[in-house]
Amino acid sequence: MAIRHGLSIRTKLLLATLVLGLIPFVGFEYVREMENFLRAGQEQTIIAAARAAALALHDRPRLLELRTSRPRVPSPDQAGTGDALHEPDSVTVGTSETALGDRPPRRGSDEALAEIELIIKAMGRRYSRIWVVDQQRQLLAVAGSLRRNLAQDPLIPPPAEGWWGTIESTVLRPLYTRLLAPPSEDFDDALPETVLSGGKEVERALTGIPASRRRHTSDFRATVLSAAHPIWSGDEVVGAVVVEETTNAVLSLRNRAFEHLLTVTLAAFLLGAGALAIFASRLSGRLTRLRDEAESAIDARGRVQHLVQGSNAGDEIGDLSRSFSTVLERLAQYNTYLERMADRLSHELRTPIAVVSSSLDNLRQKNLEPDTSVYIDRAEDGLKRLNTVLTRMREATRLEQIMREVDRERFDLAQVVSGCVGGYTSAFPKHRFSISVPQQPVWLFGSADLVAQLLDKVVENAVDFSPPGESIEITLLLRDGDAALSVANVGPPLPETMQGQLFESMISVRDHAKDGKSTPHLGLGLFMVRLIAEFHRARVLATNRSDGKGVVISVVFPQAM
């Protein structure tokens, strides 16, 4: 099986889905920009509200004239910077309670104050607070509240119902809460004295310059955006109007936008990841099937076992499958041509060989000079060698055809080995044979005739390399559910480079000139051994003996159950 390196296509496509994770970050930056625009818009809105309220109080000095009976608000160096203005005598306007002084005002002050309160209350905005100070920084009137009623806030949608509501309350809402801190309405909305006496926006407004400022509440639970605008009487600044709002509305909008974005992004991410996972699995499955078909279509010898049906898909994998099917078909035709070449070559050469042989016989009938007969002997020897080559080629071809047609059956390997060794003694009288087989049957599933042919080829190979008089050992052992058949002979060891190639076709390490003979060897004998072993799902290997004085060829068969 081919070794897989690196990441699979499925893993790569799943990793590609992580790019979708950039969408929330891009969306978050967009929401932050939107928050900045909203804050800028809120600032411009409250500046416009302060300007409108100041215009309503322009050129009305009677409402803001200095009342000596009212105490002047202490300056920053006369009072604590963090103290809120809480005095015994106070007036409640809207939902805020703000100090106005500890001594009653002079006659007419109540009417002036009431009129100022009516004006700023009419100019007020929802969730905003407006207050007015005179040139001496005395708080004259205040209206409105910084707090919102969350239960009636249209920016906060009602909880969803059904299965989505369950998901939102149990999964999404806790996640959103961890990512985005919700704005709190539980904050101290008292008007600090430092804002009245030393607020930068108030200072600038009393000098005739509109100004705005962002500050935290005293408990740091909310951020207050304030805008101050001067109140003119002719060419003189007689007071200032200050409009305040918290940024909670902007934060609520931001959080709502981000929650919606995150929900949509999460849904898109899950849908995209799911779609890509399905696509990756299908793509990987198709490629895996194509790989498996490719591996099973060709056997270890490079023969096409079966053709692959090309896919009908119109994509690139379908094209690859159809191209692969075409290649296999052409390769199968070429293999068939090569397999039949031996028979065709043998058939075609038989006639010219017979002609040459008969011609040589006719020449021998003539009275030839002695030197001429030497050449005739050489020609006859060449013809014999050629006949031997053709016979062995035809034998290998016939073996492959037999293996495709033979019926498998259950047989006793020990009995087959014992029967074959009995005939080797008479077939090879110059060699001695020793045999060791188990007493009980050794069952295999396959063809007894083919296994006998396998043993014949191995023993013939051992006889060729073993000197006369030496013993050839044939052993059958049972181990770990397998049957190991081995043939050991004394003789030259195998070269290290040949041990893994000995069972290939056309590979031989024989000495053709042994004993003065010149017998051709194409290396087909052990190649046929490998073919028969593979037919029985067996393993065949050749190793040198442990004493280094010969070779051991072993075939390990799986036993039949």
Protein backbone atom coordinates (compact mmCIF):
# COMPACT_ATOMS: atom_id res chain seq x y z
CA MET A 1 0.00 0.00 0.00
CA ALA A 2 1.30 3.45 -0.88
CA ILE A 3 2.50 5.60 1.99
CA ARG A 4 0.55 8.82 2.44
CA HIS A 5 2.57 11.94 3.17
CA GLY A 6 1.26 15.27 4.39
CA LEU A 7 -2.35 16.27 4.95
CA SER A 8 -5.31 14.70 3.23
CA ILE A 9 -7.63 16.69 0.99
CA ARG A 10 -10.37 16.47 3.62
CA THR A 11 -8.06 17.99 6.24
CA LYS A 12 -6.90 20.74 3.90
CA LEU A 13 -10.45 21.73 3.01
CA LEU A 14 -11.46 21.72 6.66
CA LEU A 15 -8.49 23.93 7.45
CA ALA A 16 -9.58 26.22 4.62
CA THR A 17 -12.89 26.73 6.44
CA LEU A 18 -10.94 28.45 9.20
CA VAL A 19 -10.67 31.40 6.83
CA LEU A 20 -14.34 31.99 7.61
CA GLY A 21 -13.21 32.70 11.15
CA LEU A 22 -11.82 36.01 9.89
CA ILE A 23 -15.34 37.22 9.20
CA PRO A 24 -16.16 37.93 12.89
CA PHE A 25 -12.96 39.94 13.29
CA VAL A 26 -13.68 41.98 10.18
CA GLY A 27 -17.25 42.45 11.37
CA PHE A 28 -16.05 43.48 14.81
CA GLU A 29 -13.85 46.17 13.30
CA TYR A 30 -16.83 47.32 11.25
CA VAL A 31 -18.99 47.47 14.38
CA ARG A 32 -16.31 49.48 16.16
CA GLU A 33 -16.24 51.95 13.31
CA MET A 34 -20.02 52.11 13.47
CA GLU A 35 -19.75 52.76 17.21
CA ASN A 36 -17.38 55.66 16.55
CA PHE A 37 -19.83 57.12 14.03
CA LEU A 38 -22.70 56.70 16.49
CA ARG A 39 -20.73 58.41 19.25
CA ALA A 40 -19.81 61.24 16.93
CA GLY A 41 -23.47 61.54 15.93
CA GLN A 42 -24.56 61.49 19.56
CA GLU A 43 -22.06 64.23 20.36
CA GLN A 44 -23.33 66.39 17.51
CA THR A 45 -26.91 65.75 18.62
CA ILE A 46 -26.41 66.85 22.21
CA ILE A 47 -24.38 69.85 21.03
CA ALA A 48 -27.34 70.80 18.88
CA ALA A 49 -29.68 70.22 21.84
CA ALA A 50 -27.52 72.47 24.06
CA ARG A 51 -27.48 75.14 21.36
CA ALA A 52 -31.27 74.98 21.00
CA ALA A 53 -31.78 75.26 24.76
CA ALA A 54 -29.34 78.15 24.96
CA LEU A 55 -31.12 79.94 22.14
CA ALA A 56 -34.35 79.63 24.08
CA LEU A 57 -32.69 81.46 26.99
CA HIS A 58 -30.84 84.10 24.97
CA ASP A 59 -31.45 87.79 25.79
CA ARG A 60 -33.54 86.99 28.85
CA PRO A 61 -31.31 88.32 31.63
CA ARG A 62 -34.20 88.43 34.09
CA LEU A 63 -34.17 84.63 34.31
CA LEU A 64 -30.44 84.42 34.99
CA GLU A 65 -29.83 87.59 37.02
CA LEU A 66 -27.63 87.20 40.06
CA ARG A 67 -29.58 86.59 43.24
CA THR A 68 -27.54 87.63 46.25
CA SER A 69 -29.62 85.49 48.53
CA ARG A 70 -28.32 82.34 46.76
CA PRO A 71 -24.88 81.05 47.74
CA ARG A 72 -22.19 80.86 45.09
CA VAL A 73 -21.06 77.35 44.22
CA PRO A 74 -17.55 76.88 45.68
CA SER A 75 -14.63 76.88 43.27
CA PRO A 76 -12.44 73.76 42.95
CA ASP A 77 -9.91 75.05 45.47
CA GLN A 78 -12.68 75.63 48.02
CA ALA A 79 -14.37 72.25 47.83
CA GLY A 80 -13.50 68.59 47.49
CA THR A 81 -13.08 67.43 43.96
CA GLY A 82 -15.09 64.27 44.32
CA ASP A 83 -18.05 65.57 46.38
CA ALA A 84 -21.47 65.67 44.81
CA LEU A 85 -23.67 68.66 45.30
CA HIS A 86 -26.21 67.55 47.94
CA GLU A 87 -27.74 70.40 49.99
CA PRO A 88 -30.74 70.46 52.32
CA ASP A 89 -33.02 72.54 50.17
CA SER A 90 -33.54 70.83 46.79
CA VAL A 91 -35.92 70.64 43.87
CA THR A 92 -36.85 67.44 42.03
CA VAL A 93 -37.33 67.77 38.30
CA GLY A 94 -38.07 64.62 36.31
CA THR A 95 -36.25 61.83 38.14
CA SER A 96 -33.18 63.77 39.28
CA GLU A 97 -32.78 65.51 42.58
CA THR A 98 -30.33 68.40 42.45
CA ALA A 99 -29.35 70.90 45.10
CA LEU A 100 -30.39 74.51 44.68
CA GLY A 101 -29.21 76.11 47.93
CA ASP A 102 -29.64 76.00 51.67
CA ARG A 103 -31.40 79.37 51.92
CA PRO A 104 -34.66 80.36 50.30
CA PRO A 105 -34.33 82.56 47.23
CA ARG A 106 -35.50 86.12 47.07
CA ARG A 107 -38.95 87.10 45.99
CA GLY A 108 -39.41 86.29 42.28
CA SER A 109 -36.78 83.59 42.15
CA ASP A 110 -39.33 80.79 42.24
CA GLU A 111 -41.09 82.09 39.15
CA ALA A 112 -37.79 82.48 37.27
CA LEU A 113 -36.65 79.09 38.19
CA ALA A 114 -39.94 77.54 37.22
CA GLU A 115 -39.78 79.22 33.82
CA ILE A 116 -36.23 77.99 33.20
CA GLU A 117 -37.29 74.49 34.19
CA LEU A 118 -40.23 74.59 31.80
CA ILE A 119 -37.99 75.74 28.96
CA ILE A 120 -35.28 73.12 29.41
CA LYS A 121 -37.86 70.41 30.08
CA ALA A 122 -39.53 71.24 26.78
CA MET A 123 -36.13 71.16 25.05
CA GLY A 124 -35.08 67.93 26.74
CA ARG A 125 -34.32 64.60 25.04
CA ARG A 126 -35.11 61.10 26.09
CA TYR A 127 -32.52 59.66 28.46
CA SER A 128 -30.75 63.04 28.73
CA ARG A 129 -30.31 65.58 31.49
CA ILE A 130 -30.22 69.35 30.97
CA TRP A 131 -29.05 71.82 33.55
CA VAL A 132 -28.39 75.55 33.59
CA VAL A 133 -25.77 77.54 35.51
CA ASP A 134 -25.23 81.26 35.70
CA GLN A 135 -21.99 83.16 35.35
CA GLN A 136 -21.26 82.55 39.04
CA ARG A 137 -21.62 78.74 38.43
CA GLN A 138 -24.78 78.54 40.48
CA LEU A 139 -27.09 75.70 39.43
CA LEU A 140 -30.38 77.32 38.44
CA ALA A 141 -32.42 74.38 37.11
CA VAL A 142 -32.15 70.73 36.01
CA ALA A 143 -34.48 68.44 34.07
CA GLY A 144 -34.41 64.87 32.76
CA SER A 145 -32.61 61.69 33.78
CA LEU A 146 -29.57 59.79 32.56
CA ARG A 147 -31.05 56.40 33.32
CA ARG A 148 -33.09 54.30 30.98
CA ASN A 149 -35.94 51.92 31.66
CA LEU A 150 -34.48 48.68 30.33
CA ALA A 151 -37.83 46.92 30.31
CA GLN A 152 -39.20 49.49 27.85
CA ASP A 153 -36.03 50.10 25.86
CA PRO A 154 -36.71 49.43 22.15
CA LEU A 155 -32.99 48.81 21.60
CA ILE A 156 -33.19 45.65 23.69
CA PRO A 157 -35.18 43.01 21.77
CA PRO A 158 -37.43 40.60 23.65
CA PRO A 159 -36.06 37.09 24.20
CA ALA A 160 -36.71 34.64 21.40
CA GLU A 161 -39.01 31.69 21.89
CA GLY A 162 -38.81 28.01 20.93
CA TRP A 163 -35.63 26.08 20.18
CA TRP A 164 -33.78 29.18 19.02
CA GLY A 165 -34.62 30.91 22.28
CA THR A 166 -33.16 27.96 24.16
CA ILE A 167 -29.95 28.11 22.14
CA GLU A 168 -29.74 31.86 22.53
CA SER A 169 -30.25 31.79 26.30
CA THR A 170 -28.01 28.81 27.04
CA VAL A 171 -25.22 29.21 24.48
CA LEU A 172 -25.17 32.54 22.69
CA ARG A 173 -26.13 34.92 25.47
CA PRO A 174 -23.37 33.71 27.88
CA LEU A 175 -20.90 33.96 24.99
CA TYR A 176 -21.99 37.47 24.12
CA THR A 177 -21.80 38.50 27.77
CA ARG A 178 -18.20 37.30 27.98
CA LEU A 179 -17.23 39.07 24.74
CA LEU A 180 -19.18 42.30 25.24
CA ALA A 181 -19.83 43.90 28.61
CA PRO A 182 -23.49 45.01 28.61
CA PRO A 183 -24.11 48.63 29.61
CA SER A 184 -25.29 49.08 33.19
CA GLU A 185 -28.08 51.41 34.31
CA ASP A 186 -27.17 50.93 37.94
CA PHE A 187 -24.80 53.87 38.26
CA ASP A 188 -24.49 56.99 40.41
CA ASP A 189 -26.11 59.81 38.45
CA ALA A 190 -25.57 62.55 41.06
CA LEU A 191 -24.24 65.80 39.66
CA PRO A 192 -20.72 66.18 41.12
CA GLU A 193 -19.68 69.61 42.35
CA THR A 194 -16.51 69.40 40.30
CA VAL A 195 -18.66 69.32 37.15
CA LEU A 196 -20.45 72.49 38.21
CA SER A 197 -17.49 74.46 39.42
CA GLY A 198 -14.60 73.10 37.42
CA GLY A 199 -15.95 71.24 34.42
CA LYS A 200 -13.95 72.07 31.34
CA GLU A 201 -16.98 72.27 29.10
CA VAL A 202 -18.69 74.64 31.59
CA GLU A 203 -15.59 76.81 31.87
CA ARG A 204 -15.34 77.15 28.10
CA ALA A 205 -19.06 77.78 27.67
CA LEU A 206 -18.96 80.59 30.26
CA THR A 207 -16.21 82.18 28.20
CA GLY A 208 -18.44 82.06 25.14
CA ILE A 209 -17.08 78.92 23.44
CA PRO A 210 -19.31 75.83 23.01
CA ALA A 211 -17.57 72.70 24.24
CA SER A 212 -18.15 69.02 24.87
CA ARG A 213 -16.61 66.48 27.17
CA ARG A 214 -16.68 62.78 27.97
CA ARG A 215 -16.42 61.73 31.61
CA HIS A 216 -17.11 58.74 33.82
CA THR A 217 -19.65 58.65 36.60
CA SER A 218 -18.27 58.70 40.12
CA ASP A 219 -18.62 54.89 40.37
CA PHE A 220 -17.13 54.35 36.89
CA ARG A 221 -20.14 52.28 35.79
CA ALA A 222 -21.15 54.55 32.93
CA THR A 223 -19.68 57.12 30.59
CA VAL A 224 -21.37 60.51 30.32
CA LEU A 225 -21.14 62.67 27.21
CA SER A 226 -21.87 66.34 27.91
CA ALA A 227 -22.11 69.44 25.73
CA ALA A 228 -22.20 73.04 27.06
CA HIS A 229 -23.36 76.11 25.16
CA PRO A 230 -23.17 79.74 26.36
CA ILE A 231 -26.28 81.79 27.07
CA TRP A 232 -25.93 85.32 25.73
CA SER A 233 -27.50 88.53 26.77
CA GLY A 234 -26.41 90.98 24.18
CA ASP A 235 -22.65 90.69 23.98
CA GLU A 236 -22.34 89.25 27.46
CA VAL A 237 -22.33 85.60 28.52
CA VAL A 238 -24.74 85.30 31.44
CA GLY A 239 -24.80 81.51 31.84
CA ALA A 240 -24.50 78.15 30.19
CA VAL A 241 -26.75 75.24 29.25
CA VAL A 242 -25.32 71.74 29.68
CA VAL A 243 -26.89 68.66 28.05
CA GLU A 244 -25.74 65.24 29.27
CA GLU A 245 -26.33 61.72 28.03
CA THR A 246 -24.70 58.40 28.78
CA THR A 247 -23.17 56.36 26.00
CA ASN A 248 -25.27 53.35 27.00
CA ALA A 249 -27.55 53.76 24.02
CA VAL A 250 -24.57 53.60 21.66
CA LEU A 251 -23.18 50.63 23.56
CA SER A 252 -26.54 48.86 23.33
CA LEU A 253 -26.65 49.48 19.58
CA ARG A 254 -23.08 48.30 19.21
CA ASN A 255 -23.69 45.17 21.24
CA ARG A 256 -26.92 44.44 19.39
CA ALA A 257 -25.19 44.87 16.02
CA PHE A 258 -22.29 42.70 17.06
CA GLU A 259 -24.57 40.02 18.48
CA HIS A 260 -26.54 39.94 15.25
CA LEU A 261 -23.32 39.87 13.22
CA LEU A 262 -21.85 37.13 15.39
CA THR A 263 -25.03 35.06 15.19
CA VAL A 264 -25.22 35.35 11.41
CA THR A 265 -21.48 34.69 11.10
CA LEU A 266 -21.67 31.68 13.38
CA ALA A 267 -24.58 30.29 11.39
CA ALA A 268 -22.74 30.95 8.12
CA PHE A 269 -19.58 29.41 9.53
CA LEU A 270 -21.40 26.27 10.64
CA LEU A 271 -23.24 25.97 7.34
CA GLY A 272 -20.06 26.65 5.36
CA ALA A 273 -18.01 24.25 7.45
CA GLY A 274 -20.70 21.61 7.15
CA ALA A 275 -20.98 22.07 3.39
CA LEU A 276 -17.20 21.95 2.98
CA ALA A 277 -16.98 18.92 5.26
CA ILE A 278 -19.56 17.10 3.14
CA PHE A 279 -17.83 18.21 -0.06
CA ALA A 280 -14.41 17.22 1.32
CA SER A 281 -15.69 13.83 2.46
CA ARG A 282 -17.32 13.17 -0.90
CA LEU A 283 -14.22 14.33 -2.78
CA SER A 284 -11.92 12.31 -0.56
CA GLY A 285 -14.20 9.29 -0.88
CA ARG A 286 -14.16 9.48 -4.66
CA LEU A 287 -10.37 9.77 -4.72
CA THR A 288 -10.05 6.91 -2.22
CA ARG A 289 -12.27 4.69 -4.36
CA LEU A 290 -10.22 5.59 -7.43
CA ARG A 291 -7.02 4.77 -5.56
CA ASP A 292 -8.41 1.43 -4.35
CA GLU A 293 -9.55 0.57 -7.87
CA ALA A 294 -6.11 1.44 -9.20
CA GLU A 295 -4.36 -0.72 -6.60
CA SER A 296 -6.67 -3.69 -7.13
CA ALA A 297 -6.70 -3.43 -10.94
CA ILE A 298 -3.00 -4.30 -11.28
CA ASP A 299 -1.34 -7.14 -9.39
CA ALA A 300 2.19 -7.29 -8.02
CA ARG A 301 3.52 -8.47 -11.41
CA GLY A 302 2.03 -5.56 -13.28
CA ARG A 303 -0.78 -7.57 -14.84
CA VAL A 304 -4.21 -6.03 -15.25
CA GLN A 305 -6.61 -8.11 -13.17
CA HIS A 306 -9.78 -6.24 -14.08
CA LEU A 307 -10.74 -3.03 -15.79
CA VAL A 308 -12.08 0.04 -14.00
CA GLN A 309 -15.41 1.49 -15.02
CA GLY A 310 -14.92 5.18 -15.72
CA SER A 311 -17.03 7.64 -13.77
CA ASN A 312 -19.87 9.55 -15.42
CA ALA A 313 -19.14 12.70 -13.41
CA GLY A 314 -18.38 15.78 -15.47
CA ASP A 315 -15.71 17.23 -13.18
CA GLU A 316 -11.93 16.76 -13.15
CA ILE A 317 -12.08 13.60 -11.02
CA GLY A 318 -14.52 12.10 -13.50
CA ASP A 319 -12.11 12.94 -16.32
CA LEU A 320 -9.26 11.36 -14.34
CA SER A 321 -11.32 8.22 -13.73
CA ARG A 322 -12.20 7.87 -17.43
CA SER A 323 -8.59 8.50 -18.47
CA PHE A 324 -7.41 5.90 -15.98
CA SER A 325 -9.95 3.42 -17.32
CA THR A 326 -8.67 4.03 -20.84
CA VAL A 327 -5.05 3.55 -19.76
CA LEU A 328 -5.91 0.28 -18.01
CA GLU A 329 -7.74 -0.97 -21.09
CA ARG A 330 -4.75 -0.24 -23.31
CA LEU A 331 -2.38 -1.77 -20.77
CA ALA A 332 -4.55 -4.90 -20.60
CA GLN A 333 -4.41 -5.22 -24.39
CA TYR A 334 -0.64 -4.83 -24.35
CA ASN A 335 -0.28 -7.40 -21.54
CA THR A 336 -2.41 -9.83 -23.54
CA TYR A 337 -0.17 -9.26 -26.53
CA LEU A 338 2.95 -9.94 -24.45
CA GLU A 339 1.43 -13.03 -22.85
CA ARG A 340 0.59 -14.50 -26.23
CA MET A 341 3.93 -13.54 -27.73
CA ALA A 342 5.69 -16.60 -26.27
CA ASP A 343 3.17 -18.97 -27.87
CA ARG A 344 3.29 -17.09 -31.16
CA LEU A 345 7.07 -16.94 -31.11
CA SER A 346 7.30 -20.65 -30.27
CA HIS A 347 4.86 -21.51 -33.02
CA GLU A 348 6.56 -19.30 -35.59
CA LEU A 349 10.05 -20.60 -34.80
CA ARG A 350 9.17 -24.26 -34.84
CA THR A 351 9.03 -24.42 -38.66
CA PRO A 352 12.35 -22.65 -39.40
CA ILE A 353 14.02 -24.69 -36.65
CA ALA A 354 12.72 -27.89 -38.23
CA VAL A 355 13.98 -26.73 -41.64
CA VAL A 356 17.43 -25.96 -40.23
CA SER A 357 17.51 -29.26 -38.34
CA SER A 358 16.59 -31.30 -41.43
CA SER A 359 19.14 -29.40 -43.49
CA LEU A 360 21.86 -30.22 -40.97
CA ASP A 361 20.85 -33.89 -41.07
CA ASN A 362 21.11 -33.85 -44.85
CA LEU A 363 24.55 -32.29 -44.65
CA ARG A 364 25.75 -35.05 -42.36
CA GLN A 365 24.79 -37.56 -45.06
CA LYS A 366 27.28 -35.93 -47.40
CA ASN A 367 30.95 -36.65 -47.45
CA LEU A 368 32.31 -33.53 -45.81
CA GLU A 369 35.73 -32.62 -44.72
CA PRO A 370 36.49 -33.03 -40.96
CA ASP A 371 36.65 -29.30 -40.37
CA THR A 372 33.16 -28.88 -41.75
CA SER A 373 31.58 -31.33 -39.30
CA VAL A 374 32.67 -29.09 -36.39
CA TYR A 375 30.48 -26.31 -37.68
CA ILE A 376 27.58 -28.68 -38.13
CA ASP A 377 27.94 -29.80 -34.48
CA ARG A 378 27.87 -26.19 -33.33
CA ALA A 379 24.76 -25.47 -35.38
CA GLU A 380 22.98 -28.53 -33.94
CA ASP A 381 23.96 -27.48 -30.41
CA GLY A 382 22.51 -24.02 -31.07
CA LEU A 383 19.29 -25.55 -32.31
CA LYS A 384 18.99 -27.64 -29.16
CA ARG A 385 19.47 -24.58 -26.99
CA LEU A 386 16.89 -22.69 -28.99
CA ASN A 387 14.41 -25.56 -28.60
CA THR A 388 15.04 -25.58 -24.83
CA VAL A 389 14.38 -21.82 -24.60
CA LEU A 390 11.14 -22.15 -26.54
CA THR A 391 10.02 -25.08 -24.40
CA ARG A 392 10.55 -23.16 -21.16
CA MET A 393 8.85 -20.07 -22.48
CA ARG A 394 5.88 -22.15 -23.50
CA GLU A 395 5.90 -23.86 -20.11
CA ALA A 396 5.78 -20.52 -18.22
CA THR A 397 2.96 -19.27 -20.43
CA ARG A 398 1.00 -22.47 -19.99
CA LEU A 399 1.45 -22.25 -16.20
CA GLU A 400 -0.13 -18.79 -16.08
CA GLN A 401 -3.05 -20.00 -18.17
CA ILE A 402 -3.51 -23.03 -15.90
CA MET A 403 -3.57 -20.86 -12.76
CA ARG A 404 -6.36 -18.77 -14.25
CA GLU A 405 -8.46 -21.87 -14.88
CA VAL A 406 -7.51 -24.31 -12.10
CA ASP A 407 -10.04 -25.17 -9.40
CA ARG A 408 -8.94 -24.79 -5.80
CA GLU A 409 -9.33 -27.69 -3.39
CA ARG A 410 -8.22 -28.79 0.06
CA PHE A 411 -5.15 -31.07 0.10
CA ASP A 412 -2.46 -32.43 2.45
CA LEU A 413 0.87 -30.69 1.83
CA ALA A 414 2.80 -33.28 3.83
CA GLN A 415 1.56 -36.05 1.55
CA VAL A 416 2.46 -34.06 -1.59
CA VAL A 417 6.00 -33.39 -0.34
CA SER A 418 6.57 -37.01 0.66
CA GLY A 419 5.37 -38.26 -2.72
CA CYS A 420 7.60 -35.86 -4.66
CA VAL A 421 10.78 -36.63 -2.69
CA GLY A 422 10.36 -40.29 -3.45
CA GLY A 423 10.78 -39.56 -7.16
CA TYR A 424 13.76 -37.22 -6.73
CA THR A 425 15.98 -40.07 -5.57
CA SER A 426 15.67 -41.82 -8.92
CA ALA A 427 15.60 -38.63 -10.99
CA PHE A 428 18.82 -37.28 -9.44
CA PRO A 429 20.92 -40.32 -8.47
CA LYS A 430 24.08 -38.28 -7.89
CA HIS A 431 22.52 -36.40 -4.95
CA ARG A 432 21.20 -37.43 -1.58
CA PHE A 433 17.86 -36.18 -0.22
CA SER A 434 16.73 -35.87 3.38
CA ILE A 435 13.12 -35.11 4.28
CA SER A 436 11.42 -33.95 7.48
CA VAL A 437 7.63 -33.55 7.52
CA PRO A 438 5.04 -33.55 10.36
CA GLN A 439 3.18 -36.74 11.20
CA GLN A 440 -0.24 -35.05 11.07
CA PRO A 441 -1.75 -33.68 7.86
CA VAL A 442 -0.89 -30.15 6.80
CA TRP A 443 -3.94 -28.83 5.00
CA LEU A 444 -3.73 -26.19 2.31
CA PHE A 445 -6.30 -24.71 -0.04
CA GLY A 446 -5.23 -24.58 -3.68
CA SER A 447 -3.82 -27.01 -6.25
CA ALA A 448 -1.71 -30.03 -5.25
CA ASP A 449 -0.32 -30.34 -8.77
CA LEU A 450 0.88 -26.76 -8.81
CA VAL A 451 2.56 -27.15 -5.40
CA ALA A 452 4.29 -30.30 -6.69
CA GLN A 453 5.49 -28.33 -9.71
CA LEU A 454 6.75 -25.61 -7.36
CA LEU A 455 8.75 -28.14 -5.34
CA ASP A 456 10.14 -29.65 -8.55
CA LYS A 457 11.47 -26.25 -9.65
CA VAL A 458 13.05 -25.52 -6.27
CA VAL A 459 14.68 -28.96 -6.05
CA GLU A 460 15.91 -28.71 -9.64
CA ASN A 461 17.50 -25.38 -8.80
CA ALA A 462 19.15 -26.89 -5.70
CA VAL A 463 20.50 -29.83 -7.72
CA ASP A 464 22.04 -27.47 -10.31
CA PHE A 465 23.98 -25.58 -7.64
CA SER A 466 24.82 -28.50 -5.33
CA PRO A 467 27.94 -30.61 -5.96
CA PRO A 468 27.38 -34.36 -6.55
CA GLY A 469 27.15 -36.42 -3.39
CA GLU A 470 25.96 -33.52 -1.20
CA SER A 471 22.66 -33.80 0.65
CA ILE A 472 19.65 -31.66 -0.21
CA GLU A 473 17.45 -31.08 2.84
CA ILE A 474 13.67 -30.76 2.39
CA THR A 475 11.82 -29.63 5.52
CA LEU A 476 8.16 -28.90 6.29
CA LEU A 477 7.41 -27.14 9.59
CA LEU A 478 4.26 -25.78 11.25
CA ARG A 479 4.54 -22.40 12.96
CA ASP A 480 2.00 -19.75 13.93
CA GLY A 481 -0.73 -21.20 11.72
CA ASP A 482 1.54 -21.33 8.65
CA ALA A 483 3.25 -24.19 6.85
CA ALA A 484 6.90 -23.45 6.00
CA LEU A 485 8.40 -25.58 3.22
CA SER A 486 12.16 -25.14 2.74
CA VAL A 487 14.82 -26.66 0.50
CA ALA A 488 18.48 -26.25 1.56
CA ASN A 489 21.51 -27.17 -0.53
CA VAL A 490 25.25 -26.91 -0.24
CA GLY A 491 26.84 -24.65 -2.82
CA PRO A 492 27.84 -21.06 -3.60
CA PRO A 493 25.98 -18.44 -1.56
CA LEU A 494 23.73 -15.84 -3.11
CA PRO A 495 25.18 -12.40 -3.78
CA GLU A 496 23.67 -9.77 -1.49
CA THR A 497 22.31 -7.81 -4.45
CA MET A 498 20.49 -10.85 -5.86
CA GLN A 499 18.59 -12.07 -2.79
CA GLY A 500 15.64 -9.76 -3.44
CA GLN A 501 15.61 -10.28 -7.25
CA LEU A 502 16.03 -14.02 -7.58
CA PHE A 503 12.34 -14.70 -8.21
CA GLU A 504 11.94 -12.11 -10.94
CA SER A 505 11.54 -13.07 -14.57
CA MET A 506 14.73 -13.43 -16.68
CA ILE A 507 16.99 -13.36 -13.58
CA SER A 508 19.61 -16.09 -13.17
CA VAL A 509 22.93 -16.56 -11.37
CA ARG A 510 23.79 -19.90 -12.97
CA ASP A 511 27.18 -20.72 -14.42
CA HIS A 512 26.29 -21.70 -17.95
CA ALA A 513 29.61 -23.43 -18.44
CA LYS A 514 29.21 -25.79 -15.45
CA ASP A 515 30.57 -29.28 -16.11
CA GLY A 516 31.50 -28.26 -19.62
CA LYS A 517 27.84 -27.89 -20.58
CA SER A 518 26.15 -24.85 -22.01
CA THR A 519 22.53 -25.21 -20.94
CA PRO A 520 20.55 -21.98 -21.37
CA HIS A 521 18.75 -20.60 -18.36
CA LEU A 522 16.32 -17.67 -18.60
CA GLY A 523 15.60 -17.50 -14.88
CA LEU A 524 12.05 -18.72 -15.43
CA GLY A 525 12.22 -21.60 -12.97
CA LEU A 526 12.15 -19.57 -9.75
CA PHE A 527 9.87 -17.04 -11.42
CA MET A 528 7.36 -19.85 -11.86
CA VAL A 529 7.91 -20.73 -8.18
CA ARG A 530 6.87 -17.20 -7.26
CA LEU A 531 3.79 -17.37 -9.49
CA ILE A 532 2.61 -20.60 -7.85
CA ALA A 533 3.35 -19.23 -4.37
CA GLU A 534 1.32 -16.08 -5.04
CA PHE A 535 -1.51 -18.23 -6.35
CA HIS A 536 -1.61 -19.90 -2.90
CA ARG A 537 -1.16 -16.56 -1.09
CA ALA A 538 2.23 -17.74 0.11
CA ARG A 539 5.52 -15.91 0.65
CA VAL A 540 8.72 -17.10 -1.04
CA LEU A 541 12.23 -16.03 -0.12
CA ALA A 542 15.82 -17.08 -0.70
CA THR A 543 18.52 -16.69 1.94
CA ASN A 544 22.01 -17.98 2.54
CA ARG A 545 22.46 -20.81 5.03
CA SER A 546 23.51 -19.85 8.53
CA ASP A 547 26.89 -21.59 8.01
CA GLY A 548 27.41 -19.69 4.74
CA LYS A 549 27.87 -22.92 2.74
CA GLY A 550 24.76 -22.80 0.63
CA VAL A 551 21.28 -21.43 0.00
CA VAL A 552 17.85 -21.97 1.56
CA ILE A 553 14.68 -21.34 -0.45
CA SER A 554 11.56 -21.17 1.71
CA VAL A 555 7.85 -20.97 0.86
CA VAL A 556 5.46 -20.08 3.70
CA PHE A 557 1.87 -21.20 3.01
CA PRO A 558 -1.18 -20.13 5.03
CA GLN A 559 -2.91 -23.26 6.34
CA ALA A 560 -6.51 -24.03 5.40
CA MET A 561 -8.97 -23.86 8.28
